C-alpha atoms as a PDB file:
ATOM      1  CA  MET A   1      93.287 -31.403  14.066  1.00  0.00           C
ATOM      2  CA  ALA A   2      93.317 -31.785  17.678  1.00  0.00           C
ATOM      3  CA  VAL A   3      90.339 -29.387  17.919  1.00  0.00           C
ATOM      4  CA  VAL A   4      88.475 -31.947  15.730  1.00  0.00           C
ATOM      5  CA  ALA A   5      89.387 -34.936  17.858  1.00  0.00           C
ATOM      6  CA  GLU A   6      88.256 -32.957  21.101  1.00  0.00           C
ATOM      7  CA  ALA A   7      84.867 -32.135  19.417  1.00  0.00           C
ATOM      8  CA  GLN A   8      84.130 -35.929  18.573  1.00  0.00           C
ATOM      9  CA  PHE A   9      82.483 -37.996  21.234  1.00  0.00           C
ATOM     10  CA  HIS A  10      83.998 -41.595  21.523  1.00  0.00           C
ATOM     11  CA  VAL A  11      81.469 -44.579  21.596  1.00  0.00           C
ATOM     12  CA  LEU A  12      82.303 -48.097  22.839  1.00  0.00           C
ATOM     13  CA  ALA A  13      80.163 -50.512  20.488  1.00  0.00           C
ATOM     14  CA  VAL A  14      79.911 -53.884  21.917  1.00  0.00           C
ATOM     15  CA  ASP A  15      78.233 -56.786  19.847  1.00  0.00           C
ATOM     16  CA  ASP A  16      79.241 -60.584  19.152  1.00  0.00           C
ATOM     17  CA  SER A  17      78.034 -60.403  15.867  1.00  0.00           C
ATOM     18  CA  LEU A  18      80.204 -59.133  13.149  1.00  0.00           C
ATOM     19  CA  MET A  19      77.647 -57.896  10.972  1.00  0.00           C
ATOM     20  CA  ASP A  20      75.570 -56.220  13.670  1.00  0.00           C
ATOM     21  CA  ARG A  21      79.002 -54.618  14.943  1.00  0.00           C
ATOM     22  CA  LYS A  22      80.025 -53.340  11.384  1.00  0.00           C
ATOM     23  CA  LEU A  23      76.439 -51.860  11.076  1.00  0.00           C
ATOM     24  CA  ILE A  24      76.426 -49.823  14.338  1.00  0.00           C
ATOM     25  CA  GLU A  25      79.795 -48.782  13.671  1.00  0.00           C
ATOM     26  CA  ARG A  26      78.955 -47.240  10.356  1.00  0.00           C
ATOM     27  CA  LEU A  27      75.990 -45.523  11.713  1.00  0.00           C
ATOM     28  CA  LEU A  28      77.937 -44.092  14.646  1.00  0.00           C
ATOM     29  CA  LYS A  29      80.632 -42.735  12.210  1.00  0.00           C
ATOM     30  CA  THR A  30      77.992 -41.431   9.989  1.00  0.00           C
ATOM     31  CA  SER A  31      76.768 -39.624  12.742  1.00  0.00           C
ATOM     32  CA  SER A  32      80.352 -38.161  13.500  1.00  0.00           C
ATOM     33  CA  PHE A  33      81.137 -40.230  16.556  1.00  0.00           C
ATOM     34  CA  GLN A  34      84.600 -41.688  17.024  1.00  0.00           C
ATOM     35  CA  VAL A  35      84.060 -45.656  17.564  1.00  0.00           C
ATOM     36  CA  THR A  36      85.740 -48.503  19.069  1.00  0.00           C
ATOM     37  CA  ALA A  37      84.135 -51.748  18.210  1.00  0.00           C
ATOM     38  CA  VAL A  38      84.677 -55.041  20.200  1.00  0.00           C
ATOM     39  CA  ASP A  39      83.134 -58.320  20.159  1.00  0.00           C
ATOM     40  CA  SER A  40      82.272 -59.212  23.955  1.00  0.00           C
ATOM     41  CA  GLY A  41      81.694 -57.608  27.297  1.00  0.00           C
ATOM     42  CA  SER A  42      84.762 -58.816  28.670  1.00  0.00           C
ATOM     43  CA  ARG A  43      86.918 -57.079  25.735  1.00  0.00           C
ATOM     44  CA  ALA A  44      84.673 -54.003  26.381  1.00  0.00           C
ATOM     45  CA  LEU A  45      86.034 -54.075  30.189  1.00  0.00           C
ATOM     46  CA  GLU A  46      89.380 -54.313  29.106  1.00  0.00           C
ATOM     47  CA  VAL A  47      88.965 -51.180  26.975  1.00  0.00           C
ATOM     48  CA  LEU A  48      87.491 -49.338  29.756  1.00  0.00           C
ATOM     49  CA  GLY A  49      90.247 -50.502  32.010  1.00  0.00           C
ATOM     50  CA  LEU A  50      88.204 -52.760  34.080  1.00  0.00           C
ATOM     51  CA  SER A  51      89.228 -56.223  33.968  1.00  0.00           C
ATOM     52  CA  GLU A  52      88.535 -59.315  36.163  1.00  0.00           C
ATOM     53  CA  ASP A  53      92.161 -60.439  36.502  1.00  0.00           C
ATOM     54  CA  LEU A  54      94.845 -57.995  37.606  1.00  0.00           C
ATOM     55  CA  THR A  55      97.368 -59.062  35.179  1.00  0.00           C
ATOM     56  CA  SER A  56      95.026 -57.992  32.114  1.00  0.00           C
ATOM     57  CA  SER A  57      94.036 -54.943  33.981  1.00  0.00           C
ATOM     58  CA  ALA A  58      97.753 -53.786  34.498  1.00  0.00           C
ATOM     59  CA  ALA A  59      98.321 -54.343  30.837  1.00  0.00           C
ATOM     60  CA  VAL A  60      95.337 -52.297  29.537  1.00  0.00           C
ATOM     61  CA  SER A  61      95.426 -49.386  31.814  1.00  0.00           C
ATOM     62  CA  PRO A  62      97.799 -47.173  29.505  1.00  0.00           C
ATOM     63  CA  ALA A  63      95.497 -47.683  26.841  1.00  0.00           C
ATOM     64  CA  HIS A  64      92.705 -46.578  28.911  1.00  0.00           C
ATOM     65  CA  ASN A  65      94.103 -43.525  29.813  1.00  0.00           C
ATOM     66  CA  GLU A  66      94.585 -42.633  26.230  1.00  0.00           C
ATOM     67  CA  ILE A  67      90.810 -43.454  25.236  1.00  0.00           C
ATOM     68  CA  GLU A  68      87.979 -41.417  27.043  1.00  0.00           C
ATOM     69  CA  VAL A  69      84.698 -43.260  26.207  1.00  0.00           C
ATOM     70  CA  ASN A  70      81.630 -40.947  26.454  1.00  0.00           C
ATOM     71  CA  LEU A  71      79.060 -43.726  25.865  1.00  0.00           C
ATOM     72  CA  VAL A  72      78.803 -47.658  25.701  1.00  0.00           C
ATOM     73  CA  ILE A  73      76.354 -49.154  23.413  1.00  0.00           C
ATOM     74  CA  THR A  74      76.233 -52.847  23.731  1.00  0.00           C
ATOM     75  CA  ASP A  75      73.873 -55.956  22.433  1.00  0.00           C
ATOM     76  CA  TYR A  76      71.876 -57.662  25.130  1.00  0.00           C
ATOM     77  CA  CYS A  77      72.352 -61.430  23.923  1.00  0.00           C
ATOM     78  CA  MET A  78      76.041 -62.197  24.015  1.00  0.00           C
ATOM     79  CA  PRO A  79      77.744 -65.496  25.085  1.00  0.00           C
ATOM     80  CA  GLY A  80      79.756 -65.123  28.385  1.00  0.00           C
ATOM     81  CA  MET A  81      78.782 -61.722  29.411  1.00  0.00           C
ATOM     82  CA  THR A  82      75.069 -60.403  28.645  1.00  0.00           C
ATOM     83  CA  GLY A  83      74.859 -56.569  27.945  1.00  0.00           C
ATOM     84  CA  TYR A  84      72.955 -56.516  31.289  1.00  0.00           C
ATOM     85  CA  ASP A  85      75.942 -57.808  33.123  1.00  0.00           C
ATOM     86  CA  LEU A  86      78.242 -55.394  31.231  1.00  0.00           C
ATOM     87  CA  LEU A  87      75.920 -52.775  32.434  1.00  0.00           C
ATOM     88  CA  LYS A  88      75.970 -53.834  36.094  1.00  0.00           C
ATOM     89  CA  LYS A  89      79.774 -54.033  35.895  1.00  0.00           C
ATOM     90  CA  ILE A  90      79.931 -50.335  34.426  1.00  0.00           C
ATOM     91  CA  LYS A  91      77.470 -48.858  36.941  1.00  0.00           C
ATOM     92  CA  GLY A  92      79.102 -50.641  39.867  1.00  0.00           C
ATOM     93  CA  SER A  93      82.541 -49.147  39.197  1.00  0.00           C
ATOM     94  CA  SER A  94      83.383 -45.803  40.968  1.00  0.00           C
ATOM     95  CA  SER A  95      85.303 -44.556  38.045  1.00  0.00           C
ATOM     96  CA  LEU A  96      83.019 -45.574  35.266  1.00  0.00           C
ATOM     97  CA  LYS A  97      79.618 -45.252  36.645  1.00  0.00           C
ATOM     98  CA  ASP A  98      79.077 -41.969  35.093  1.00  0.00           C
ATOM     99  CA  ILE A  99      79.309 -43.488  31.521  1.00  0.00           C
ATOM    100  CA  PRO A 100      76.050 -43.706  29.833  1.00  0.00           C
ATOM    101  CA  VAL A 101      75.166 -47.101  28.568  1.00  0.00           C
ATOM    102  CA  VAL A 102      72.636 -48.018  25.836  1.00  0.00           C
ATOM    103  CA  ILE A 103      71.370 -51.512  25.359  1.00  0.00           C
ATOM    104  CA  MET A 104      70.150 -53.157  21.985  1.00  0.00           C
ATOM    105  CA  SER A 105      68.315 -56.328  21.247  1.00  0.00           C
ATOM    106  CA  SER A 106      66.533 -57.819  18.297  1.00  0.00           C
ATOM    107  CA  GLU A 107      64.140 -59.289  20.955  1.00  0.00           C
ATOM    108  CA  ASN A 108      61.381 -57.105  22.324  1.00  0.00           C
ATOM    109  CA  VAL A 109      60.709 -58.144  25.644  1.00  0.00           C
ATOM    110  CA  PRO A 110      59.180 -55.669  28.095  1.00  0.00           C
ATOM    111  CA  SER A 111      60.565 -57.253  31.301  1.00  0.00           C
ATOM    112  CA  ARG A 112      64.171 -57.273  29.985  1.00  0.00           C
ATOM    113  CA  ILE A 113      63.878 -53.856  28.696  1.00  0.00           C
ATOM    114  CA  ASN A 114      62.431 -52.338  32.140  1.00  0.00           C
ATOM    115  CA  ARG A 115      65.247 -54.515  33.821  1.00  0.00           C
ATOM    116  CA  CYS A 116      67.941 -52.757  31.964  1.00  0.00           C
ATOM    117  CA  LEU A 117      66.313 -49.337  32.299  1.00  0.00           C
ATOM    118  CA  GLU A 118      65.975 -49.711  35.970  1.00  0.00           C
ATOM    119  CA  GLY A 119      69.453 -51.032  36.208  1.00  0.00           C
ATOM    120  CA  GLY A 120      70.812 -47.803  34.767  1.00  0.00           C
ATOM    121  CA  ALA A 121      70.722 -48.127  31.094  1.00  0.00           C
ATOM    122  CA  GLU A 122      69.866 -44.756  29.300  1.00  0.00           C
ATOM    123  CA  GLU A 123      68.179 -46.244  26.368  1.00  0.00           C
ATOM    124  CA  PHE A 124      67.139 -49.525  24.953  1.00  0.00           C
ATOM    125  CA  PHE A 125      67.080 -49.873  21.126  1.00  0.00           C
ATOM    126  CA  LEU A 126      65.372 -52.582  19.092  1.00  0.00           C
ATOM    127  CA  LYS A 127      67.566 -53.999  16.338  1.00  0.00           C
ATOM    128  CA  PRO A 128      68.190 -53.338  13.612  1.00  0.00           C
ATOM    129  CA  VAL A 129      69.469 -49.957  14.993  1.00  0.00           C
ATOM    130  CA  GLN A 130      68.904 -47.233  12.464  1.00  0.00           C
ATOM    131  CA  LEU A 131      70.365 -43.628  11.792  1.00  0.00           C
ATOM    132  CA  SER A 132      67.496 -42.057  13.712  1.00  0.00           C
ATOM    133  CA  ASP A 133      68.398 -44.018  16.853  1.00  0.00           C
ATOM    134  CA  MET A 134      71.890 -42.120  16.727  1.00  0.00           C
ATOM    135  CA  LYS A 135      70.007 -38.789  17.125  1.00  0.00           C
ATOM    136  CA  ARG A 136      68.696 -40.038  20.296  1.00  0.00           C
ATOM    137  CA  LEU A 137      72.419 -40.592  21.773  1.00  0.00           C
ATOM    138  CA  ARG A 138      73.652 -37.351  21.830  1.00  0.00           C
ATOM    139  CA  PRO A 139      72.012 -35.930  25.028  1.00  0.00           C
ATOM    140  CA  HIS A 140      73.015 -39.194  26.986  1.00  0.00           C
ATOM    141  CA  ILE A 141      76.701 -38.381  25.555  1.00  0.00           C
ATOM    142  CA  LEU A 142      76.603 -35.011  26.864  1.00  0.00           C
ATOM    143  CA  LYS A 143      75.956 -36.684  30.174  1.00  0.00           C
ATOM    144  CA  GLY A 144      79.070 -38.771  29.860  1.00  0.00           C
ATOM    145  CA  LYS A 145      81.530 -35.773  29.205  1.00  0.00           C
ATOM    146  CA  SER A 146      84.431 -35.365  31.661  1.00  0.00           C
ATOM    147  CA  LYS A 147      83.593 -33.432  34.770  1.00  0.00           C
ATOM    148  CA  GLU A 148      86.282 -30.769  33.700  1.00  0.00           C
ATOM    149  CA  GLN A 149      84.274 -30.172  30.526  1.00  0.00           C
ATOM    150  CA  GLN A 150      81.131 -29.913  32.247  1.00  0.00           C
ATOM    151  CA  LEU A 151      82.568 -27.301  34.674  1.00  0.00           C
ATOM    152  CA  GLN A 152      83.977 -25.411  31.986  1.00  0.00           C
ATOM    153  CA  GLN A 153      80.663 -25.209  30.084  1.00  0.00           C
ATOM    154  CA  GLU A 154      78.656 -24.154  33.063  1.00  0.00           C
ATOM    155  CA  GLU A 155      81.116 -21.401  33.885  1.00  0.00           C
ATOM    156  CA  GLU A 156      80.731 -20.288  30.090  1.00  0.00           C
ATOM    157  CA  THR A 157      76.857 -20.389  30.444  1.00  0.00           C
ATOM    158  CA  SER A 158      76.858 -18.433  33.910  1.00  0.00           C
ATOM    159  CA  ASN A 159      79.308 -15.654  32.675  1.00  0.00           C
ATOM    160  CA  THR A 160      77.182 -15.181  29.429  1.00  0.00           C
ATOM    161  CA  SER A 161      73.745 -14.955  31.555  1.00  0.00           C
ATOM    162  CA  ILE A 162      75.597 -12.548  34.236  1.00  0.00           C
ATOM    163  CA  SER A 163      76.573 -10.197  31.456  1.00  0.00           C
ATOM    164  CA  SER A 164      73.122 -10.537  29.580  1.00  0.00           C
ATOM    165  CA  ASN A 165      71.409  -9.554  33.068  1.00  0.00           C
ATOM    166  CA  LYS A 166      73.629  -6.531  33.686  1.00  0.00           C
ATOM    167  CA  ARG A 167      72.848  -5.278  30.073  1.00  0.00           C
ATOM    168  CA  LYS A 168      69.061  -5.762  30.598  1.00  0.00           C
ATOM    169  CA  ALA A 169      69.240  -3.846  34.098  1.00  0.00           C
ATOM    170  CA  ARG A 170      71.085  -1.178  32.565  1.00  0.00           C
ATOM    171  CA  ASP A 171      68.507  -0.982  29.621  1.00  0.00           C
ATOM    172  CA  GLU A 172      65.629  -0.989  32.277  1.00  0.00           C
ATOM    173  CA  GLU A 173      67.344   1.972  33.992  1.00  0.00           C
ATOM    174  CA  LEU A 174      67.559   4.124  30.820  1.00  0.00           C
ATOM    175  CA  SER A 175      64.228   3.412  29.468  1.00  0.00           C
ATOM    176  CA  PRO A 176      62.059   5.835  31.601  1.00  0.00           C
ATOM    177  CA  GLU A 177      64.403   8.962  30.933  1.00  0.00           C
ATOM    178  CA  ARG A 178      64.220   8.074  27.070  1.00  0.00           C
ATOM    179  CA  ARG A 179      60.487   8.022  26.838  1.00  0.00           C
ATOM    180  CA  ARG A 180      58.783  11.009  24.860  1.00  0.00           C
ATOM    181  CA  PRO A 181      56.472  13.160  26.412  1.00  0.00           C
ATOM    182  CA  ARG A 182      52.800  12.533  25.275  1.00  0.00           C
ATOM    183  CA  LEU A 183      50.622  15.178  23.980  1.00  0.00           C
ATOM    184  CA  SER A 184      46.923  14.870  24.564  1.00  0.00           C
ATOM    185  CA  ASN A 185      44.205  16.202  22.271  1.00  0.00           C
ATOM    186  CA  ASN A 186      43.425  18.966  24.644  1.00  0.00           C
ATOM    187  CA  SER A 187      46.809  20.442  24.896  1.00  0.00           C
ATOM    188  CA  LEU A 188      46.917  20.975  21.030  1.00  0.00           C
ATOM    189  CA  ILE A 189      43.946  23.444  21.172  1.00  0.00           C
END
């Protein structure tokens, strides 16, 4: 069972609307993502282990150690802290800056979209978010994997390519010796 949990990617979904939060949570779970859903940017920071006051941060740190978030998907328009504000706090943190952030909004405002993308957001989804949008998350989640997982994957890939290159070189060495001599029409007469 631990293998299944390791294979799942963990997404933190942030939206102040209960209906939108439930929808995104269902879409993410349907796409085999593990989901933690919260209703505000400040609550998201608590889950991530970043909090504005030290007492709250100390209380949340142990929970943060248990939860490794691979991606944050957040609504743009929320009271208190907007999705853009949350994006800037995540990207401004040395420990969280590598976590991909996706912003979603029901308003199609090009200047807002550009601002978010230039601020470090990986994607900007228009609401209502659909199942097809979930497929666009996977490449970004792979970026958010832990450094240890990335190094392990790179090592496995390089070992495979080295053995493949050795096999190819060995086959090329043998091929000239294995060729059959050709008979020309003149030699048959």
